[in-house]
Amino acid sequence: MTKKTLSLILSLLLTVSIAVTILSGCNDTKDPTPSSTAEISASSTEAQTVGEGAKSFPFSATDGDGVVTNWTVRTDADNVGDALGVVGLVSGTVGDFGLMVDTVNGKTLVYATDQAYWGFCIDGEMASTGVSSTPIEEGKTYSFVYTKS
């Protein structure tokens, strides 16, 4: 087997592995019934409103410990990435495919060292669009979820 063929096979396996991880990242498979009030408050926060503008949408971030932080984002931006960036909830690097988010709610993930990244979800499902190319739609819920490969 040539190096080129081996490289292609390994690349395909890595791509499939990442796709499976991404697709499972937005759905929380933990038991939805906490055993105590303390666990409820540790796993989720009441939504706080951030920003100003005519549009609003619910946004949440689930960190590596399973803690969910909720916001209602108010904005005049057209896309989710711009709205979240303006209020300081996300940041990252802008590239050919838009904003590559590496920091959510002050927590930075570096895939090369953590093997973890922020998965962008719409209505609890992994998004098929990037955060900066996703228009804000009434009735949609947006989130970032800590995802580890």
N, C-alpha and C. Protein backbone atom coordinates (compact mmCIF):
# COMPACT_ATOMS: atom_id res chain seq x y z
N MET A 1 0.85 -1.17 0.00
CA MET A 1 0.00 0.00 0.00
C MET A 1 0.90 1.24 0.00
N THR A 2 0.59 2.19 -0.85
CA THR A 2 1.41 3.39 -0.96
C THR A 2 1.09 4.37 0.16
N LYS A 3 2.01 5.28 0.39
CA LYS A 3 1.79 6.31 1.42
C LYS A 3 0.57 7.15 1.10
N LYS A 4 0.38 7.42 -0.17
CA LYS A 4 -0.76 8.26 -0.59
C LYS A 4 -2.08 7.54 -0.28
N THR A 5 -2.17 6.25 -0.57
CA THR A 5 -3.38 5.49 -0.31
C THR A 5 -3.63 5.38 1.19
N LEU A 6 -2.59 5.10 1.95
CA LEU A 6 -2.71 5.01 3.40
C LEU A 6 -3.15 6.34 3.99
N SER A 7 -2.58 7.41 3.50
CA SER A 7 -2.95 8.75 3.96
C SER A 7 -4.43 9.03 3.67
N LEU A 8 -4.90 8.65 2.49
CA LEU A 8 -6.30 8.85 2.11
C LEU A 8 -7.22 8.05 3.03
N ILE A 9 -6.87 6.80 3.30
CA ILE A 9 -7.70 5.95 4.17
C ILE A 9 -7.75 6.54 5.58
N LEU A 10 -6.61 6.95 6.11
CA LEU A 10 -6.58 7.55 7.45
C LEU A 10 -7.38 8.84 7.50
N SER A 11 -7.30 9.64 6.46
CA SER A 11 -8.07 10.89 6.40
C SER A 11 -9.57 10.61 6.40
N LEU A 12 -10.00 9.60 5.63
CA LEU A 12 -11.41 9.25 5.60
C LEU A 12 -11.89 8.74 6.96
N LEU A 13 -11.07 7.91 7.63
CA LEU A 13 -11.43 7.41 8.95
C LEU A 13 -11.54 8.55 9.96
N LEU A 14 -10.62 9.50 9.90
CA LEU A 14 -10.67 10.65 10.80
C LEU A 14 -11.92 11.48 10.54
N THR A 15 -12.24 11.70 9.27
CA THR A 15 -13.42 12.48 8.90
C THR A 15 -14.69 11.82 9.42
N VAL A 16 -14.81 10.50 9.26
CA VAL A 16 -15.99 9.78 9.75
C VAL A 16 -16.05 9.86 11.27
N SER A 17 -14.93 9.71 11.94
CA SER A 17 -14.88 9.80 13.39
C SER A 17 -15.33 11.17 13.89
N ILE A 18 -14.85 12.21 13.26
CA ILE A 18 -15.25 13.57 13.65
C ILE A 18 -16.73 13.78 13.38
N ALA A 19 -17.24 13.30 12.25
CA ALA A 19 -18.66 13.46 11.92
C ALA A 19 -19.54 12.78 12.96
N VAL A 20 -19.17 11.57 13.39
CA VAL A 20 -19.95 10.87 14.41
C VAL A 20 -19.93 11.64 15.71
N THR A 21 -18.78 12.17 16.08
CA THR A 21 -18.66 12.96 17.31
C THR A 21 -19.51 14.21 17.22
N ILE A 22 -19.46 14.89 16.10
CA ILE A 22 -20.25 16.11 15.91
C ILE A 22 -21.73 15.83 16.01
N LEU A 23 -22.18 14.79 15.34
CA LEU A 23 -23.61 14.48 15.33
C LEU A 23 -24.13 14.10 16.70
N SER A 24 -23.27 13.59 17.55
CA SER A 24 -23.73 13.22 18.89
C SER A 24 -23.52 14.34 19.90
N GLY A 25 -22.85 15.41 19.53
CA GLY A 25 -22.49 16.46 20.47
C GLY A 25 -23.62 17.32 20.97
N CYS A 26 -24.65 17.57 20.20
CA CYS A 26 -25.71 18.49 20.61
C CYS A 26 -26.76 17.84 21.49
N ASN A 27 -26.92 16.57 21.38
CA ASN A 27 -27.95 15.90 22.16
C ASN A 27 -27.38 15.43 23.48
N ASP A 28 -27.96 15.91 24.57
CA ASP A 28 -27.49 15.55 25.91
C ASP A 28 -28.13 14.22 26.28
N THR A 29 -27.32 13.21 26.50
CA THR A 29 -27.85 11.89 26.81
C THR A 29 -27.86 11.61 28.31
N LYS A 30 -27.57 12.61 29.13
CA LYS A 30 -27.60 12.42 30.57
C LYS A 30 -29.04 12.28 31.04
N ASP A 31 -29.21 11.66 32.22
CA ASP A 31 -30.52 11.54 32.82
C ASP A 31 -31.08 12.93 33.06
N PRO A 32 -32.25 13.26 32.46
CA PRO A 32 -32.79 14.61 32.58
C PRO A 32 -33.39 14.92 33.95
N THR A 33 -33.45 13.95 34.85
CA THR A 33 -34.03 14.17 36.16
C THR A 33 -32.93 14.23 37.21
N PRO A 34 -32.51 15.43 37.59
CA PRO A 34 -31.47 15.55 38.62
C PRO A 34 -31.95 14.97 39.93
N SER A 35 -31.00 14.48 40.75
CA SER A 35 -31.37 13.84 42.00
C SER A 35 -31.57 14.83 43.14
N SER A 36 -31.19 16.09 42.94
CA SER A 36 -31.37 17.07 44.02
C SER A 36 -31.49 18.47 43.45
N THR A 37 -31.98 19.40 44.29
CA THR A 37 -32.08 20.79 43.90
C THR A 37 -30.72 21.37 43.61
N ALA A 38 -29.70 20.97 44.38
CA ALA A 38 -28.34 21.46 44.15
C ALA A 38 -27.86 21.08 42.77
N GLU A 39 -28.21 19.85 42.32
CA GLU A 39 -27.79 19.42 40.99
C GLU A 39 -28.51 20.23 39.91
N ILE A 40 -29.76 20.60 40.16
CA ILE A 40 -30.48 21.42 39.18
C ILE A 40 -29.77 22.76 39.01
N SER A 41 -29.43 23.42 40.11
CA SER A 41 -28.81 24.73 39.99
C SER A 41 -27.39 24.64 39.44
N ALA A 42 -26.71 23.52 39.64
CA ALA A 42 -25.35 23.36 39.13
C ALA A 42 -25.36 23.03 37.64
N SER A 43 -26.45 22.47 37.13
CA SER A 43 -26.45 22.03 35.75
C SER A 43 -27.10 23.02 34.80
N SER A 44 -27.82 24.00 35.31
CA SER A 44 -28.51 24.93 34.43
C SER A 44 -28.73 26.26 35.14
N THR A 45 -28.69 27.33 34.37
CA THR A 45 -28.94 28.65 34.96
C THR A 45 -30.15 29.27 34.29
N GLU A 46 -30.80 30.14 35.04
CA GLU A 46 -31.94 30.88 34.50
C GLU A 46 -31.41 31.87 33.46
N ALA A 47 -32.14 32.07 32.39
CA ALA A 47 -31.69 32.93 31.30
C ALA A 47 -31.55 34.38 31.73
N GLN A 48 -30.46 35.00 31.32
CA GLN A 48 -30.28 36.43 31.51
C GLN A 48 -30.31 37.08 30.12
N THR A 49 -30.80 38.30 30.05
CA THR A 49 -30.90 38.99 28.78
C THR A 49 -29.65 39.84 28.56
N VAL A 50 -29.08 39.72 27.35
CA VAL A 50 -27.91 40.50 26.97
C VAL A 50 -28.17 41.17 25.63
N GLY A 51 -27.55 42.32 25.42
CA GLY A 51 -27.66 43.03 24.15
C GLY A 51 -28.89 43.89 24.05
N GLU A 52 -28.97 44.55 22.90
CA GLU A 52 -30.11 45.42 22.59
C GLU A 52 -30.45 45.26 21.13
N GLY A 53 -31.72 45.35 20.81
CA GLY A 53 -32.12 45.28 19.41
C GLY A 53 -33.53 44.77 19.26
N ALA A 54 -34.00 44.78 18.02
CA ALA A 54 -35.38 44.40 17.71
C ALA A 54 -35.59 42.89 17.69
N LYS A 55 -34.54 42.12 17.41
CA LYS A 55 -34.65 40.66 17.35
C LYS A 55 -34.17 40.08 18.68
N SER A 56 -34.68 38.90 19.00
CA SER A 56 -34.16 38.18 20.17
C SER A 56 -34.23 36.69 19.91
N PHE A 57 -33.32 35.96 20.57
CA PHE A 57 -33.33 34.50 20.45
C PHE A 57 -32.71 33.90 21.70
N PRO A 58 -33.13 32.67 22.05
CA PRO A 58 -32.52 31.98 23.18
C PRO A 58 -31.18 31.37 22.75
N PHE A 59 -30.20 31.46 23.65
CA PHE A 59 -28.88 30.89 23.41
C PHE A 59 -28.39 30.23 24.68
N SER A 60 -27.72 29.10 24.54
CA SER A 60 -27.15 28.43 25.70
C SER A 60 -25.77 27.90 25.38
N ALA A 61 -24.99 27.71 26.44
CA ALA A 61 -23.66 27.11 26.33
C ALA A 61 -23.57 26.01 27.36
N THR A 62 -23.15 24.82 26.91
CA THR A 62 -22.96 23.68 27.81
C THR A 62 -21.47 23.41 27.88
N ASP A 63 -20.88 23.57 29.08
CA ASP A 63 -19.43 23.40 29.21
C ASP A 63 -19.06 21.93 29.43
N GLY A 64 -17.78 21.67 29.61
CA GLY A 64 -17.27 20.32 29.75
C GLY A 64 -17.75 19.59 31.00
N ASP A 65 -18.25 20.33 31.98
CA ASP A 65 -18.79 19.72 33.19
C ASP A 65 -20.30 19.51 33.10
N GLY A 66 -20.89 19.84 31.94
CA GLY A 66 -22.33 19.69 31.76
C GLY A 66 -23.14 20.86 32.29
N VAL A 67 -22.47 21.93 32.72
CA VAL A 67 -23.18 23.10 33.22
C VAL A 67 -23.72 23.90 32.03
N VAL A 68 -25.01 24.16 32.06
CA VAL A 68 -25.67 24.90 30.99
C VAL A 68 -25.93 26.32 31.46
N THR A 69 -25.47 27.29 30.66
CA THR A 69 -25.73 28.69 30.94
C THR A 69 -26.64 29.21 29.84
N ASN A 70 -27.70 29.92 30.22
CA ASN A 70 -28.72 30.37 29.27
C ASN A 70 -28.79 31.88 29.18
N TRP A 71 -29.05 32.37 27.98
CA TRP A 71 -29.24 33.80 27.74
C TRP A 71 -30.40 33.99 26.77
N THR A 72 -30.96 35.18 26.82
CA THR A 72 -31.79 35.68 25.75
C THR A 72 -30.97 36.79 25.12
N VAL A 73 -30.67 36.64 23.83
CA VAL A 73 -29.82 37.61 23.14
C VAL A 73 -30.72 38.55 22.34
N ARG A 74 -30.56 39.85 22.59
CA ARG A 74 -31.28 40.88 21.82
C ARG A 74 -30.28 41.52 20.88
N THR A 75 -30.70 41.73 19.63
CA THR A 75 -29.75 42.21 18.62
C THR A 75 -30.46 42.82 17.41
N ASP A 76 -29.69 43.55 16.65
CA ASP A 76 -30.13 44.00 15.32
C ASP A 76 -29.30 43.32 14.24
N ALA A 77 -28.40 42.41 14.64
CA ALA A 77 -27.56 41.68 13.68
C ALA A 77 -28.42 40.74 12.84
N ASP A 78 -27.89 40.37 11.68
CA ASP A 78 -28.61 39.46 10.80
C ASP A 78 -28.27 37.99 11.04
N ASN A 79 -27.05 37.71 11.57
CA ASN A 79 -26.68 36.31 11.78
C ASN A 79 -26.30 36.05 13.24
N VAL A 80 -26.34 34.80 13.61
CA VAL A 80 -26.10 34.40 14.99
C VAL A 80 -24.68 34.75 15.44
N GLY A 81 -23.69 34.50 14.59
CA GLY A 81 -22.30 34.78 14.95
C GLY A 81 -22.06 36.23 15.29
N ASP A 82 -22.56 37.14 14.45
CA ASP A 82 -22.39 38.56 14.72
C ASP A 82 -23.08 38.96 16.03
N ALA A 83 -24.30 38.44 16.24
CA ALA A 83 -25.05 38.77 17.46
C ALA A 83 -24.30 38.30 18.71
N LEU A 84 -23.79 37.08 18.69
CA LEU A 84 -23.08 36.54 19.85
C LEU A 84 -21.74 37.23 20.06
N GLY A 85 -21.08 37.61 18.98
CA GLY A 85 -19.81 38.31 19.08
C GLY A 85 -19.96 39.70 19.68
N VAL A 86 -20.99 40.42 19.27
CA VAL A 86 -21.22 41.79 19.76
C VAL A 86 -21.43 41.80 21.27
N VAL A 87 -22.15 40.81 21.80
CA VAL A 87 -22.41 40.78 23.24
C VAL A 87 -21.30 40.05 24.01
N GLY A 88 -20.28 39.58 23.31
CA GLY A 88 -19.12 38.98 23.96
C GLY A 88 -19.29 37.55 24.43
N LEU A 89 -20.29 36.83 23.90
CA LEU A 89 -20.48 35.45 24.32
C LEU A 89 -19.59 34.47 23.57
N VAL A 90 -19.15 34.84 22.35
CA VAL A 90 -18.25 33.97 21.59
C VAL A 90 -17.15 34.81 20.96
N SER A 91 -16.03 34.14 20.68
CA SER A 91 -14.96 34.76 19.90
C SER A 91 -14.17 33.65 19.23
N GLY A 92 -13.37 34.03 18.28
CA GLY A 92 -12.57 33.06 17.55
C GLY A 92 -11.82 33.73 16.43
N THR A 93 -11.54 32.94 15.39
CA THR A 93 -10.78 33.40 14.25
C THR A 93 -11.66 33.40 13.01
N VAL A 94 -11.61 34.47 12.24
CA VAL A 94 -12.37 34.53 11.00
C VAL A 94 -11.50 33.98 9.88
N GLY A 95 -12.04 33.00 9.14
CA GLY A 95 -11.32 32.38 8.04
C GLY A 95 -12.19 32.32 6.80
N ASP A 96 -11.80 31.47 5.87
CA ASP A 96 -12.53 31.33 4.60
C ASP A 96 -13.97 30.88 4.79
N PHE A 97 -14.25 30.17 5.88
CA PHE A 97 -15.59 29.65 6.11
C PHE A 97 -16.34 30.42 7.20
N GLY A 98 -15.86 31.61 7.53
CA GLY A 98 -16.51 32.43 8.55
C GLY A 98 -15.82 32.30 9.89
N LEU A 99 -16.56 32.57 10.96
CA LEU A 99 -16.01 32.57 12.30
C LEU A 99 -15.81 31.15 12.81
N MET A 100 -14.58 30.83 13.18
CA MET A 100 -14.26 29.56 13.82
C MET A 100 -14.21 29.84 15.32
N VAL A 101 -15.25 29.45 16.03
CA VAL A 101 -15.39 29.78 17.44
C VAL A 101 -14.49 28.88 18.28
N ASP A 102 -13.66 29.51 19.11
CA ASP A 102 -12.85 28.72 20.04
C ASP A 102 -13.13 29.11 21.49
N THR A 103 -13.82 30.23 21.70
CA THR A 103 -14.15 30.67 23.05
C THR A 103 -15.65 30.94 23.17
N VAL A 104 -16.26 30.31 24.16
CA VAL A 104 -17.69 30.51 24.44
C VAL A 104 -17.82 30.79 25.93
N ASN A 105 -18.48 31.88 26.26
CA ASN A 105 -18.71 32.26 27.65
C ASN A 105 -17.39 32.29 28.44
N GLY A 106 -16.34 32.76 27.79
CA GLY A 106 -15.04 32.91 28.45
C GLY A 106 -14.21 31.64 28.54
N LYS A 107 -14.71 30.52 28.01
CA LYS A 107 -13.97 29.26 28.06
C LYS A 107 -13.42 28.93 26.68
N THR A 108 -12.09 28.85 26.58
CA THR A 108 -11.42 28.60 25.31
C THR A 108 -11.03 27.13 25.19
N LEU A 109 -11.32 26.56 24.03
CA LEU A 109 -10.92 25.19 23.72
C LEU A 109 -9.95 25.23 22.54
N VAL A 110 -8.89 24.45 22.63
CA VAL A 110 -7.91 24.34 21.55
C VAL A 110 -7.89 22.86 21.15
N TYR A 111 -8.45 22.55 20.00
CA TYR A 111 -8.59 21.16 19.59
C TYR A 111 -7.25 20.42 19.59
N ALA A 112 -6.19 21.07 19.15
CA ALA A 112 -4.89 20.42 19.06
C ALA A 112 -4.38 19.93 20.41
N THR A 113 -4.78 20.60 21.48
CA THR A 113 -4.32 20.18 22.81
C THR A 113 -5.42 19.51 23.63
N ASP A 114 -6.67 19.93 23.47
CA ASP A 114 -7.78 19.42 24.26
C ASP A 114 -8.53 18.26 23.61
N GLN A 115 -8.40 18.12 22.28
CA GLN A 115 -9.23 17.21 21.49
C GLN A 115 -10.71 17.50 21.76
N ALA A 116 -11.00 18.78 21.98
CA ALA A 116 -12.35 19.23 22.25
C ALA A 116 -12.60 20.52 21.47
N TYR A 117 -13.87 20.76 21.15
CA TYR A 117 -14.25 21.96 20.41
C TYR A 117 -15.68 22.32 20.78
N TRP A 118 -16.08 23.52 20.38
CA TRP A 118 -17.44 23.98 20.61
C TRP A 118 -18.30 23.58 19.41
N GLY A 119 -19.28 22.71 19.62
CA GLY A 119 -20.20 22.30 18.57
C GLY A 119 -21.37 23.27 18.52
N PHE A 120 -21.64 23.81 17.33
CA PHE A 120 -22.74 24.77 17.16
C PHE A 120 -24.01 24.01 16.81
N CYS A 121 -25.07 24.27 17.57
CA CYS A 121 -26.33 23.56 17.41
C CYS A 121 -27.50 24.52 17.18
N ILE A 122 -28.46 24.04 16.41
CA ILE A 122 -29.71 24.76 16.19
C ILE A 122 -30.83 23.82 16.62
N ASP A 123 -31.65 24.26 17.55
CA ASP A 123 -32.73 23.44 18.09
C ASP A 123 -32.24 22.07 18.55
N GLY A 124 -31.06 22.02 19.18
CA GLY A 124 -30.54 20.79 19.74
C GLY A 124 -29.88 19.84 18.76
N GLU A 125 -29.79 20.23 17.51
CA GLU A 125 -29.16 19.40 16.48
C GLU A 125 -27.93 20.12 15.95
N MET A 126 -26.88 19.36 15.64
CA MET A 126 -25.68 19.96 15.08
C MET A 126 -26.04 20.74 13.82
N ALA A 127 -25.58 21.97 13.76
CA ALA A 127 -25.89 22.85 12.63
C ALA A 127 -25.14 22.40 11.37
N SER A 128 -25.77 22.60 10.24
CA SER A 128 -25.12 22.30 8.96
C SER A 128 -24.51 23.57 8.36
N THR A 129 -24.65 24.68 9.09
CA THR A 129 -24.07 25.95 8.66
C THR A 129 -23.18 26.48 9.78
N GLY A 130 -22.26 27.33 9.42
CA GLY A 130 -21.42 27.96 10.43
C GLY A 130 -22.20 29.04 11.15
N VAL A 131 -21.72 29.41 12.33
CA VAL A 131 -22.42 30.39 13.16
C VAL A 131 -22.54 31.74 12.46
N SER A 132 -21.52 32.13 11.68
CA SER A 132 -21.58 33.44 11.03
C SER A 132 -22.37 33.42 9.73
N SER A 133 -22.76 32.23 9.27
CA SER A 133 -23.61 32.17 8.07
C SER A 133 -25.01 31.68 8.40
N THR A 134 -25.34 31.64 9.69
CA THR A 134 -26.67 31.21 10.13
C THR A 134 -27.52 32.43 10.44
N PRO A 135 -28.56 32.67 9.62
CA PRO A 135 -29.42 33.82 9.89
C PRO A 135 -30.24 33.58 11.17
N ILE A 136 -30.52 34.65 11.87
CA ILE A 136 -31.35 34.55 13.07
C ILE A 136 -32.78 34.32 12.62
N GLU A 137 -33.38 33.23 13.11
CA GLU A 137 -34.76 32.90 12.75
C GLU A 137 -35.62 32.85 14.01
N GLU A 138 -36.76 33.49 13.93
CA GLU A 138 -37.70 33.49 15.05
C GLU A 138 -38.10 32.05 15.38
N GLY A 139 -38.13 31.73 16.67
CA GLY A 139 -38.53 30.40 17.10
C GLY A 139 -37.40 29.39 17.18
N LYS A 140 -36.22 29.73 16.71
CA LYS A 140 -35.07 28.82 16.76
C LYS A 140 -34.28 29.07 18.05
N THR A 141 -33.67 28.01 18.56
CA THR A 141 -32.80 28.08 19.72
C THR A 141 -31.40 27.72 19.27
N TYR A 142 -30.42 28.51 19.68
CA TYR A 142 -29.03 28.29 19.27
C TYR A 142 -28.19 27.97 20.49
N SER A 143 -27.18 27.13 20.29
CA SER A 143 -26.32 26.76 21.42
C SER A 143 -24.94 26.34 20.95
N PHE A 144 -24.01 26.38 21.89
CA PHE A 144 -22.70 25.79 21.70
C PHE A 144 -22.53 24.76 22.80
N VAL A 145 -22.03 23.59 22.41
CA VAL A 145 -21.87 22.48 23.33
C VAL A 145 -20.44 21.99 23.29
N TYR A 146 -19.84 21.86 24.47
CA TYR A 146 -18.50 21.28 24.58
C TYR A 146 -18.57 19.87 23.98
N THR A 147 -17.69 19.60 23.04
CA THR A 147 -17.66 18.31 22.36
C THR A 147 -16.23 17.80 22.36
N LYS A 148 -16.06 16.59 22.84
CA LYS A 148 -14.71 16.01 22.91
C LYS A 148 -14.63 14.81 21.96
N SER A 149 -13.54 14.77 21.20
CA SER A 149 -13.35 13.66 20.25
C SER A 149 -12.86 12.43 20.97
